[in-house]
Amino acid sequence: MLTGKQRSYLRSLGNTMDAIIQVGKAGIDESFLKQVNEVLEARELIKLSVLQNSEYNAREACGAICEGIGAEPVQVIGNRFLIYRKAREKSKIELPPKK
């Protein structure tokens, strides 16, 4: 579970990022989750967007993806959202310490 300070730090990092994965009309299935999982393992923090033809809104998609791969939701704004999961090997992002 992320603290408010950690979430704020991750939001600041994600502010300049572009969405690299899109949720479309195909929805969220095992192959999609596998793809997100691989990208998240490499980058730790990713921004995703939800297309208009998707059956999900951004909050629903964020919840389903985070639950499916064990990630933490960071921020949902409009049709985009930011998720985080610490890499199992070679972590790149150093979060502020929990108090």
PDB file of N, CA and C in Angstrom:
ATOM      1  N   MET A   1       0.835  -1.182   0.000  1.00  0.00           N
ATOM      2  CA  MET A   1       0.000   0.000   0.000  1.00  0.00           C
ATOM      3  C   MET A   1       0.880   1.247   0.000  1.00  0.00           C
ATOM      4  N   LEU A   2       0.577   2.156  -0.886  1.00  0.00           N
ATOM      5  CA  LEU A   2       1.362   3.385  -1.007  1.00  0.00           C
ATOM      6  C   LEU A   2       0.854   4.452  -0.044  1.00  0.00           C
ATOM      7  N   THR A   3       1.779   5.217   0.515  1.00  0.00           N
ATOM      8  CA  THR A   3       1.396   6.348   1.353  1.00  0.00           C
ATOM      9  C   THR A   3       1.076   7.538   0.448  1.00  0.00           C
ATOM     10  N   GLY A   4       0.496   8.577   1.013  1.00  0.00           N
ATOM     11  CA  GLY A   4       0.177   9.779   0.245  1.00  0.00           C
ATOM     12  C   GLY A   4       1.414  10.433  -0.346  1.00  0.00           C
ATOM     13  N   LYS A   5       2.494  10.449   0.421  1.00  0.00           N
ATOM     14  CA  LYS A   5       3.745  11.053  -0.049  1.00  0.00           C
ATOM     15  C   LYS A   5       4.333  10.249  -1.215  1.00  0.00           C
ATOM     16  N   GLN A   6       4.290   8.921  -1.116  1.00  0.00           N
ATOM     17  CA  GLN A   6       4.789   8.066  -2.195  1.00  0.00           C
ATOM     18  C   GLN A   6       3.938   8.227  -3.453  1.00  0.00           C
ATOM     19  N   ARG A   7       2.624   8.268  -3.267  1.00  0.00           N
ATOM     20  CA  ARG A   7       1.707   8.439  -4.393  1.00  0.00           C
ATOM     21  C   ARG A   7       1.962   9.785  -5.077  1.00  0.00           C
ATOM     22  N   SER A   8       2.177  10.827  -4.285  1.00  0.00           N
ATOM     23  CA  SER A   8       2.460  12.153  -4.823  1.00  0.00           C
ATOM     24  C   SER A   8       3.761  12.151  -5.626  1.00  0.00           C
ATOM     25  N   TYR A   9       4.777  11.476  -5.101  1.00  0.00           N
ATOM     26  CA  TYR A   9       6.066  11.370  -5.795  1.00  0.00           C
ATOM     27  C   TYR A   9       5.888  10.650  -7.136  1.00  0.00           C
ATOM     28  N   LEU A  10       5.129   9.552  -7.144  1.00  0.00           N
ATOM     29  CA  LEU A  10       4.904   8.801  -8.377  1.00  0.00           C
ATOM     30  C   LEU A  10       4.085   9.620  -9.381  1.00  0.00           C
ATOM     31  N   ARG A  11       3.121  10.396  -8.894  1.00  0.00           N
ATOM     32  CA  ARG A  11       2.344  11.262  -9.784  1.00  0.00           C
ATOM     33  C   ARG A  11       3.250  12.288 -10.453  1.00  0.00           C
ATOM     34  N   SER A  12       4.213  12.815  -9.693  1.00  0.00           N
ATOM     35  CA  SER A  12       5.134  13.800 -10.273  1.00  0.00           C
ATOM     36  C   SER A  12       6.006  13.154 -11.351  1.00  0.00           C
ATOM     37  N   LEU A  13       6.409  11.908 -11.146  1.00  0.00           N
ATOM     38  CA  LEU A  13       7.196  11.205 -12.168  1.00  0.00           C
ATOM     39  C   LEU A  13       6.361  10.916 -13.415  1.00  0.00           C
ATOM     40  N   GLY A  14       5.098  10.576 -13.204  1.00  0.00           N
ATOM     41  CA  GLY A  14       4.225  10.215 -14.319  1.00  0.00           C
ATOM     42  C   GLY A  14       3.652  11.394 -15.062  1.00  0.00           C
ATOM     43  N   ASN A  15       3.845  12.591 -14.531  1.00  0.00           N
ATOM     44  CA  ASN A  15       3.264  13.784 -15.123  1.00  0.00           C
ATOM     45  C   ASN A  15       3.697  14.005 -16.568  1.00  0.00           C
ATOM     46  N   THR A  16       4.942  13.730 -16.879  1.00  0.00           N
ATOM     47  CA  THR A  16       5.465  13.979 -18.227  1.00  0.00           C
ATOM     48  C   THR A  16       5.429  12.737 -19.111  1.00  0.00           C
ATOM     49  N   MET A  17       4.983  11.619 -18.567  1.00  0.00           N
ATOM     50  CA  MET A  17       4.967  10.367 -19.336  1.00  0.00           C
ATOM     51  C   MET A  17       3.828  10.356 -20.351  1.00  0.00           C
ATOM     52  N   ASP A  18       4.040   9.642 -21.446  1.00  0.00           N
ATOM     53  CA  ASP A  18       2.979   9.388 -22.410  1.00  0.00           C
ATOM     54  C   ASP A  18       2.372   8.027 -22.112  1.00  0.00           C
ATOM     55  N   ALA A  19       1.108   7.859 -22.472  1.00  0.00           N
ATOM     56  CA  ALA A  19       0.455   6.563 -22.311  1.00  0.00           C
ATOM     57  C   ALA A  19       1.076   5.589 -23.312  1.00  0.00           C
ATOM     58  N   ILE A  20       1.561   4.448 -22.826  1.00  0.00           N
ATOM     59  CA  ILE A  20       2.235   3.506 -23.710  1.00  0.00           C
ATOM     60  C   ILE A  20       1.385   2.282 -24.026  1.00  0.00           C
ATOM     61  N   ILE A  21       0.296   2.095 -23.289  1.00  0.00           N
ATOM     62  CA  ILE A  21      -0.603   0.970 -23.545  1.00  0.00           C
ATOM     63  C   ILE A  21      -2.025   1.506 -23.573  1.00  0.00           C
ATOM     64  N   GLN A  22      -2.843   0.966 -24.494  1.00  0.00           N
ATOM     65  CA  GLN A  22      -4.223   1.409 -24.618  1.00  0.00           C
ATOM     66  C   GLN A  22      -5.170   0.242 -24.393  1.00  0.00           C
ATOM     67  N   VAL A  23      -6.237   0.506 -23.648  1.00  0.00           N
ATOM     68  CA  VAL A  23      -7.298  -0.475 -23.453  1.00  0.00           C
ATOM     69  C   VAL A  23      -8.352  -0.161 -24.502  1.00  0.00           C
ATOM     70  N   GLY A  24      -8.599  -1.116 -25.398  1.00  0.00           N
ATOM     71  CA  GLY A  24      -9.541  -0.892 -26.490  1.00  0.00           C
ATOM     72  C   GLY A  24     -10.749  -1.789 -26.401  1.00  0.00           C
ATOM     73  N   LYS A  25     -11.365  -2.031 -27.553  1.00  0.00           N
ATOM     74  CA  LYS A  25     -12.590  -2.825 -27.564  1.00  0.00           C
ATOM     75  C   LYS A  25     -12.336  -4.298 -27.268  1.00  0.00           C
ATOM     76  N   ALA A  26     -11.097  -4.754 -27.396  1.00  0.00           N
ATOM     77  CA  ALA A  26     -10.773  -6.142 -27.060  1.00  0.00           C
ATOM     78  C   ALA A  26     -10.847  -6.382 -25.556  1.00  0.00           C
ATOM     79  N   GLY A  27     -10.786  -5.301 -24.784  1.00  0.00           N
ATOM     80  CA  GLY A  27     -10.934  -5.420 -23.339  1.00  0.00           C
ATOM     81  C   GLY A  27      -9.661  -5.862 -22.640  1.00  0.00           C
ATOM     82  N   ILE A  28      -9.850  -6.452 -21.465  1.00  0.00           N
ATOM     83  CA  ILE A  28      -8.736  -6.874 -20.624  1.00  0.00           C
ATOM     84  C   ILE A  28      -8.804  -8.387 -20.486  1.00  0.00           C
ATOM     85  N   ASP A  29      -7.908  -9.079 -21.196  1.00  0.00           N
ATOM     86  CA  ASP A  29      -7.861 -10.539 -21.121  1.00  0.00           C
ATOM     87  C   ASP A  29      -6.469 -10.974 -20.655  1.00  0.00           C
ATOM     88  N   GLU A  30      -6.228 -12.272 -20.629  1.00  0.00           N
ATOM     89  CA  GLU A  30      -4.951 -12.797 -20.120  1.00  0.00           C
ATOM     90  C   GLU A  30      -3.752 -12.284 -20.911  1.00  0.00           C
ATOM     91  N   SER A  31      -3.860 -12.231 -22.233  1.00  0.00           N
ATOM     92  CA  SER A  31      -2.725 -11.780 -23.041  1.00  0.00           C
ATOM     93  C   SER A  31      -2.448 -10.290 -22.807  1.00  0.00           C
ATOM     94  N   PHE A  32      -3.508  -9.512 -22.627  1.00  0.00           N
ATOM     95  CA  PHE A  32      -3.329  -8.082 -22.331  1.00  0.00           C
ATOM     96  C   PHE A  32      -2.647  -7.904 -20.979  1.00  0.00           C
ATOM     97  N   LEU A  33      -3.094  -8.653 -19.968  1.00  0.00           N
ATOM     98  CA  LEU A  33      -2.487  -8.566 -18.642  1.00  0.00           C
ATOM     99  C   LEU A  33      -1.026  -9.001 -18.672  1.00  0.00           C
ATOM    100  N   LYS A  34      -0.713 -10.003 -19.490  1.00  0.00           N
ATOM    101  CA  LYS A  34       0.670 -10.467 -19.618  1.00  0.00           C
ATOM    102  C   LYS A  34       1.548  -9.365 -20.209  1.00  0.00           C
ATOM    103  N   GLN A  35       1.022  -8.672 -21.212  1.00  0.00           N
ATOM    104  CA  GLN A  35       1.757  -7.577 -21.832  1.00  0.00           C
ATOM    105  C   GLN A  35       1.998  -6.447 -20.824  1.00  0.00           C
ATOM    106  N   VAL A  36       0.965  -6.060 -20.088  1.00  0.00           N
ATOM    107  CA  VAL A  36       1.100  -5.002 -19.086  1.00  0.00           C
ATOM    108  C   VAL A  36       2.096  -5.426 -18.010  1.00  0.00           C
ATOM    109  N   ASN A  37       2.034  -6.684 -17.602  1.00  0.00           N
ATOM    110  CA  ASN A  37       2.928  -7.217 -16.583  1.00  0.00           C
ATOM    111  C   ASN A  37       4.395  -7.096 -17.014  1.00  0.00           C
ATOM    112  N   GLU A  38       4.675  -7.446 -18.258  1.00  0.00           N
ATOM    113  CA  GLU A  38       6.046  -7.377 -18.771  1.00  0.00           C
ATOM    114  C   GLU A  38       6.557  -5.938 -18.827  1.00  0.00           C
ATOM    115  N   VAL A  39       5.719  -5.032 -19.296  1.00  0.00           N
ATOM    116  CA  VAL A  39       6.120  -3.622 -19.380  1.00  0.00           C
ATOM    117  C   VAL A  39       6.312  -3.049 -17.981  1.00  0.00           C
ATOM    118  N   LEU A  40       5.429  -3.414 -17.061  1.00  0.00           N
ATOM    119  CA  LEU A  40       5.527  -2.921 -15.687  1.00  0.00           C
ATOM    120  C   LEU A  40       6.777  -3.441 -14.994  1.00  0.00           C
ATOM    121  N   GLU A  41       7.166  -4.674 -15.280  1.00  0.00           N
ATOM    122  CA  GLU A  41       8.389  -5.236 -14.697  1.00  0.00           C
ATOM    123  C   GLU A  41       9.615  -4.458 -15.188  1.00  0.00           C
ATOM    124  N   ALA A  42       9.577  -4.009 -16.439  1.00  0.00           N
ATOM    125  CA  ALA A  42      10.712  -3.271 -17.001  1.00  0.00           C
ATOM    126  C   ALA A  42      10.746  -1.813 -16.547  1.00  0.00           C
ATOM    127  N   ARG A  43       9.577  -1.179 -16.403  1.00  0.00           N
ATOM    128  CA  ARG A  43       9.535   0.265 -16.137  1.00  0.00           C
ATOM    129  C   ARG A  43       9.076   0.643 -14.739  1.00  0.00           C
ATOM    130  N   GLU A  44       8.341  -0.209 -14.065  1.00  0.00           N
ATOM    131  CA  GLU A  44       7.788  -0.002 -12.720  1.00  0.00           C
ATOM    132  C   GLU A  44       6.614   0.972 -12.667  1.00  0.00           C
ATOM    133  N   LEU A  45       6.625   2.021 -13.462  1.00  0.00           N
ATOM    134  CA  LEU A  45       5.560   3.018 -13.475  1.00  0.00           C
ATOM    135  C   LEU A  45       5.131   3.230 -14.921  1.00  0.00           C
ATOM    136  N   ILE A  46       3.856   2.997 -15.218  1.00  0.00           N
ATOM    137  CA  ILE A  46       3.384   3.176 -16.592  1.00  0.00           C
ATOM    138  C   ILE A  46       2.048   3.910 -16.610  1.00  0.00           C
ATOM    139  N   LYS A  47       1.834   4.605 -17.720  1.00  0.00           N
ATOM    140  CA  LYS A  47       0.575   5.303 -17.934  1.00  0.00           C
ATOM    141  C   LYS A  47      -0.172   4.572 -19.045  1.00  0.00           C
ATOM    142  N   LEU A  48      -1.457   4.340 -18.810  1.00  0.00           N
ATOM    143  CA  LEU A  48      -2.315   3.677 -19.782  1.00  0.00           C
ATOM    144  C   LEU A  48      -3.477   4.588 -20.121  1.00  0.00           C
ATOM    145  N   SER A  49      -4.059   4.376 -21.293  1.00  0.00           N
ATOM    146  CA  SER A  49      -5.238   5.148 -21.664  1.00  0.00           C
ATOM    147  C   SER A  49      -6.343   4.186 -22.096  1.00  0.00           C
ATOM    148  N   VAL A  50      -7.575   4.655 -21.959  1.00  0.00           N
ATOM    149  CA  VAL A  50      -8.747   3.869 -22.331  1.00  0.00           C
ATOM    150  C   VAL A  50      -9.379   4.539 -23.547  1.00  0.00           C
ATOM    151  N   LEU A  51      -9.528   3.780 -24.625  1.00  0.00           N
ATOM    152  CA  LEU A  51     -10.122   4.314 -25.843  1.00  0.00           C
ATOM    153  C   LEU A  51     -11.634   4.431 -25.689  1.00  0.00           C
ATOM    154  N   GLN A  52     -12.248   5.262 -26.516  1.00  0.00           N
ATOM    155  CA  GLN A  52     -13.692   5.489 -26.435  1.00  0.00           C
ATOM    156  C   GLN A  52     -14.500   4.237 -26.745  1.00  0.00           C
ATOM    157  N   ASN A  53     -13.971   3.351 -27.589  1.00  0.00           N
ATOM    158  CA  ASN A  53     -14.729   2.156 -27.961  1.00  0.00           C
ATOM    159  C   ASN A  53     -14.577   1.012 -26.957  1.00  0.00           C
ATOM    160  N   SER A  54     -13.922   1.258 -25.842  1.00  0.00           N
ATOM    161  CA  SER A  54     -13.745   0.238 -24.813  1.00  0.00           C
ATOM    162  C   SER A  54     -15.004   0.127 -23.968  1.00  0.00           C
ATOM    163  N   GLU A  55     -15.235  -1.072 -23.433  1.00  0.00           N
ATOM    164  CA  GLU A  55     -16.377  -1.275 -22.541  1.00  0.00           C
ATOM    165  C   GLU A  55     -16.083  -0.783 -21.128  1.00  0.00           C
ATOM    166  N   TYR A  56     -14.836  -0.438 -20.848  1.00  0.00           N
ATOM    167  CA  TYR A  56     -14.416   0.024 -19.529  1.00  0.00           C
ATOM    168  C   TYR A  56     -14.270   1.536 -19.505  1.00  0.00           C
ATOM    169  N   ASN A  57     -14.492   2.132 -18.335  1.00  0.00           N
ATOM    170  CA  ASN A  57     -14.035   3.505 -18.156  1.00  0.00           C
ATOM    171  C   ASN A  57     -12.656   3.401 -17.492  1.00  0.00           C
ATOM    172  N   ALA A  58     -11.982   4.511 -17.302  1.00  0.00           N
ATOM    173  CA  ALA A  58     -10.601   4.470 -16.807  1.00  0.00           C
ATOM    174  C   ALA A  58     -10.505   3.869 -15.405  1.00  0.00           C
ATOM    175  N   ARG A  59     -11.442   4.225 -14.520  1.00  0.00           N
ATOM    176  CA  ARG A  59     -11.397   3.714 -13.142  1.00  0.00           C
ATOM    177  C   ARG A  59     -11.621   2.198 -13.103  1.00  0.00           C
ATOM    178  N   GLU A  60     -12.555   1.697 -13.902  1.00  0.00           N
ATOM    179  CA  GLU A  60     -12.818   0.253 -13.956  1.00  0.00           C
ATOM    180  C   GLU A  60     -11.620  -0.495 -14.522  1.00  0.00           C
ATOM    181  N   ALA A  61     -11.044   0.033 -15.597  1.00  0.00           N
ATOM    182  CA  ALA A  61      -9.883  -0.606 -16.222  1.00  0.00           C
ATOM    183  C   ALA A  61      -8.702  -0.630 -15.261  1.00  0.00           C
ATOM    184  N   CYS A  62      -8.476   0.470 -14.573  1.00  0.00           N
ATOM    185  CA  CYS A  62      -7.376   0.555 -13.613  1.00  0.00           C
ATOM    186  C   CYS A  62      -7.550  -0.493 -12.516  1.00  0.00           C
ATOM    187  N   GLY A  63      -8.752  -0.610 -11.973  1.00  0.00           N
ATOM    188  CA  GLY A  63      -9.025  -1.587 -10.927  1.00  0.00           C
ATOM    189  C   GLY A  63      -8.834  -3.014 -11.399  1.00  0.00           C
ATOM    190  N   ALA A  64      -9.337  -3.321 -12.598  1.00  0.00           N
ATOM    191  CA  ALA A  64      -9.226  -4.678 -13.134  1.00  0.00           C
ATOM    192  C   ALA A  64      -7.775  -5.056 -13.407  1.00  0.00           C
ATOM    193  N   ILE A  65      -7.011  -4.135 -13.965  1.00  0.00           N
ATOM    194  CA  ILE A  65      -5.603  -4.412 -14.280  1.00  0.00           C
ATOM    195  C   ILE A  65      -4.786  -4.565 -13.007  1.00  0.00           C
ATOM    196  N   CYS A  66      -4.969  -3.650 -12.062  1.00  0.00           N
ATOM    197  CA  CYS A  66      -4.214  -3.713 -10.809  1.00  0.00           C
ATOM    198  C   CYS A  66      -4.516  -4.998 -10.047  1.00  0.00           C
ATOM    199  N   GLU A  67      -5.769  -5.398 -10.037  1.00  0.00           N
ATOM    200  CA  GLU A  67      -6.143  -6.644  -9.368  1.00  0.00           C
ATOM    201  C   GLU A  67      -5.560  -7.856 -10.090  1.00  0.00           C
ATOM    202  N   GLY A  68      -5.541  -7.795 -11.416  1.00  0.00           N
ATOM    203  CA  GLY A  68      -5.056  -8.923 -12.212  1.00  0.00           C
ATOM    204  C   GLY A  68      -3.565  -9.164 -12.123  1.00  0.00           C
ATOM    205  N   ILE A  69      -2.783  -8.099 -11.923  1.00  0.00           N
ATOM    206  CA  ILE A  69      -1.325  -8.266 -11.926  1.00  0.00           C
ATOM    207  C   ILE A  69      -0.664  -7.847 -10.614  1.00  0.00           C
ATOM    208  N   GLY A  70      -1.439  -7.438  -9.638  1.00  0.00           N
ATOM    209  CA  GLY A  70      -0.875  -7.084  -8.334  1.00  0.00           C
ATOM    210  C   GLY A  70      -0.146  -5.753  -8.316  1.00  0.00           C
ATOM    211  N   ALA A  71      -0.671  -4.777  -9.042  1.00  0.00           N
ATOM    212  CA  ALA A  71      -0.061  -3.449  -9.091  1.00  0.00           C
ATOM    213  C   ALA A  71      -0.842  -2.488  -8.197  1.00  0.00           C
ATOM    214  N   GLU A  72      -0.283  -1.308  -7.997  1.00  0.00           N
ATOM    215  CA  GLU A  72      -0.922  -0.269  -7.185  1.00  0.00           C
ATOM    216  C   GLU A  72      -1.430   0.845  -8.092  1.00  0.00           C
ATOM    217  N   PRO A  73      -2.698   1.235  -7.968  1.00  0.00           N
ATOM    218  CA  PRO A  73      -3.170   2.399  -8.720  1.00  0.00           C
ATOM    219  C   PRO A  73      -2.561   3.671  -8.120  1.00  0.00           C
ATOM    220  N   VAL A  74      -2.114   4.573  -8.975  1.00  0.00           N
ATOM    221  CA  VAL A  74      -1.509   5.815  -8.504  1.00  0.00           C
ATOM    222  C   VAL A  74      -2.457   6.984  -8.752  1.00  0.00           C
ATOM    223  N   GLN A  75      -2.993   7.075  -9.977  1.00  0.00           N
ATOM    224  CA  GLN A  75      -3.814   8.222 -10.335  1.00  0.00           C
ATOM    225  C   GLN A  75      -4.715   7.865 -11.508  1.00  0.00           C
ATOM    226  N   VAL A  76      -5.950   8.368 -11.482  1.00  0.00           N
ATOM    227  CA  VAL A  76      -6.877   8.231 -12.599  1.00  0.00           C
ATOM    228  C   VAL A  76      -7.390   9.626 -12.937  1.00  0.00           C
ATOM    229  N   ILE A  77      -7.139  10.054 -14.159  1.00  0.00           N
ATOM    230  CA  ILE A  77      -7.631  11.359 -14.624  1.00  0.00           C
ATOM    231  C   ILE A  77      -8.187  11.180 -16.033  1.00  0.00           C
ATOM    232  N   GLY A  78      -9.445  11.503 -16.205  1.00  0.00           N
ATOM    233  CA  GLY A  78     -10.074  11.399 -17.524  1.00  0.00           C
ATOM    234  C   GLY A  78     -10.041   9.979 -18.033  1.00  0.00           C
ATOM    235  N   ASN A  79      -9.451   9.786 -19.199  1.00  0.00           N
ATOM    236  CA  ASN A  79      -9.364   8.443 -19.777  1.00  0.00           C
ATOM    237  C   ASN A  79      -7.968   7.834 -19.619  1.00  0.00           C
ATOM    238  N   ARG A  80      -7.150   8.412 -18.744  1.00  0.00           N
ATOM    239  CA  ARG A  80      -5.795   7.902 -18.508  1.00  0.00           C
ATOM    240  C   ARG A  80      -5.603   7.545 -17.047  1.00  0.00           C
ATOM    241  N   PHE A  81      -4.711   6.588 -16.824  1.00  0.00           N
ATOM    242  CA  PHE A  81      -4.391   6.235 -15.439  1.00  0.00           C
ATOM    243  C   PHE A  81      -2.961   5.758 -15.338  1.00  0.00           C
ATOM    244  N   LEU A  82      -2.445   5.846 -14.124  1.00  0.00           N
ATOM    245  CA  LEU A  82      -1.053   5.556 -13.826  1.00  0.00           C
ATOM    246  C   LEU A  82      -1.012   4.427 -12.812  1.00  0.00           C
ATOM    247  N   ILE A  83      -0.194   3.393 -13.074  1.00  0.00           N
ATOM    248  CA  ILE A  83      -0.064   2.279 -12.129  1.00  0.00           C
ATOM    249  C   ILE A  83       1.410   2.026 -11.833  1.00  0.00           C
ATOM    250  N   TYR A  84       1.658   1.451 -10.655  1.00  0.00           N
ATOM    251  CA  TYR A  84       3.025   1.220 -10.180  1.00  0.00           C
ATOM    252  C   TYR A  84       3.123  -0.168  -9.558  1.00  0.00           C
ATOM    253  N   ARG A  85       4.257  -0.802  -9.783  1.00  0.00           N
ATOM    254  CA  ARG A  85       4.626  -2.019  -9.052  1.00  0.00           C
ATOM    255  C   ARG A  85       6.138  -2.101  -9.029  1.00  0.00           C
ATOM    256  N   LYS A  86       6.689  -2.311  -7.849  1.00  0.00           N
ATOM    257  CA  LYS A  86       8.143  -2.423  -7.696  1.00  0.00           C
ATOM    258  C   LYS A  86       8.632  -3.644  -8.477  1.00  0.00           C
ATOM    259  N   ALA A  87       9.723  -3.475  -9.205  1.00  0.00           N
ATOM    260  CA  ALA A  87      10.301  -4.571  -9.986  1.00  0.00           C
ATOM    261  C   ALA A  87      10.859  -5.634  -9.051  1.00  0.00           C
ATOM    262  N   ARG A  88      10.736  -6.878  -9.453  1.00  0.00           N
ATOM    263  CA  ARG A  88      11.266  -7.978  -8.643  1.00  0.00           C
ATOM    264  C   ARG A  88      12.791  -7.958  -8.636  1.00  0.00           C
ATOM    265  N   GLU A  89      13.371  -7.552  -9.770  1.00  0.00           N
ATOM    266  CA  GLU A  89      14.823  -7.419  -9.898  1.00  0.00           C
ATOM    267  C   GLU A  89      15.146  -5.995 -10.358  1.00  0.00           C
ATOM    268  N   LYS A  90      16.240  -5.457  -9.919  1.00  0.00           N
ATOM    269  CA  LYS A  90      16.739  -4.160 -10.380  1.00  0.00           C
ATOM    270  C   LYS A  90      15.690  -3.055 -10.334  1.00  0.00           C
ATOM    271  N   SER A  91      15.278  -2.695  -9.149  1.00  0.00           N
ATOM    272  CA  SER A  91      14.317  -1.610  -8.980  1.00  0.00           C
ATOM    273  C   SER A  91      14.956  -0.279  -9.368  1.00  0.00           C
ATOM    274  N   LYS A  92      14.256   0.530 -10.157  1.00  0.00           N
ATOM    275  CA  LYS A  92      14.794   1.804 -10.643  1.00  0.00           C
ATOM    276  C   LYS A  92      14.263   2.995  -9.853  1.00  0.00           C
ATOM    277  N   ILE A  93      13.041   2.876  -9.347  1.00  0.00           N
ATOM    278  CA  ILE A  93      12.408   4.012  -8.671  1.00  0.00           C
ATOM    279  C   ILE A  93      12.575   3.847  -7.158  1.00  0.00           C
ATOM    280  N   GLU A  94      13.142   4.865  -6.544  1.00  0.00           N
ATOM    281  CA  GLU A  94      13.327   4.872  -5.088  1.00  0.00           C
ATOM    282  C   GLU A  94      12.218   5.709  -4.470  1.00  0.00           C
ATOM    283  N   LEU A  95      11.287   5.065  -3.786  1.00  0.00           N
ATOM    284  CA  LEU A  95      10.172   5.757  -3.174  1.00  0.00           C
ATOM    285  C   LEU A  95      10.584   6.430  -1.867  1.00  0.00           C
ATOM    286  N   PRO A  96       9.925   7.530  -1.502  1.00  0.00           N
ATOM    287  CA  PRO A  96      10.172   8.120  -0.178  1.00  0.00           C
ATOM    288  C   PRO A  96       9.815   7.090   0.898  1.00  0.00           C
ATOM    289  N   PRO A  97      10.532   7.101   2.026  1.00  0.00           N
ATOM    290  CA  PRO A  97      10.291   6.092   3.056  1.00  0.00           C
ATOM    291  C   PRO A  97       8.927   6.262   3.720  1.00  0.00           C
ATOM    292  N   LYS A  98       8.376   5.120   4.178  1.00  0.00           N
ATOM    293  CA  LYS A  98       7.124   5.157   4.943  1.00  0.00           C
ATOM    294  C   LYS A  98       7.441   5.576   6.354  1.00  0.00           C
ATOM    295  N   LYS A  99       6.507   6.296   6.985  1.00  0.00           N
ATOM    296  CA  LYS A  99       6.722   6.727   8.368  1.00  0.00           C
ATOM    297  C   LYS A  99       5.947   5.866   9.312  1.00  0.00           C
TER     298      LYS A  99
END
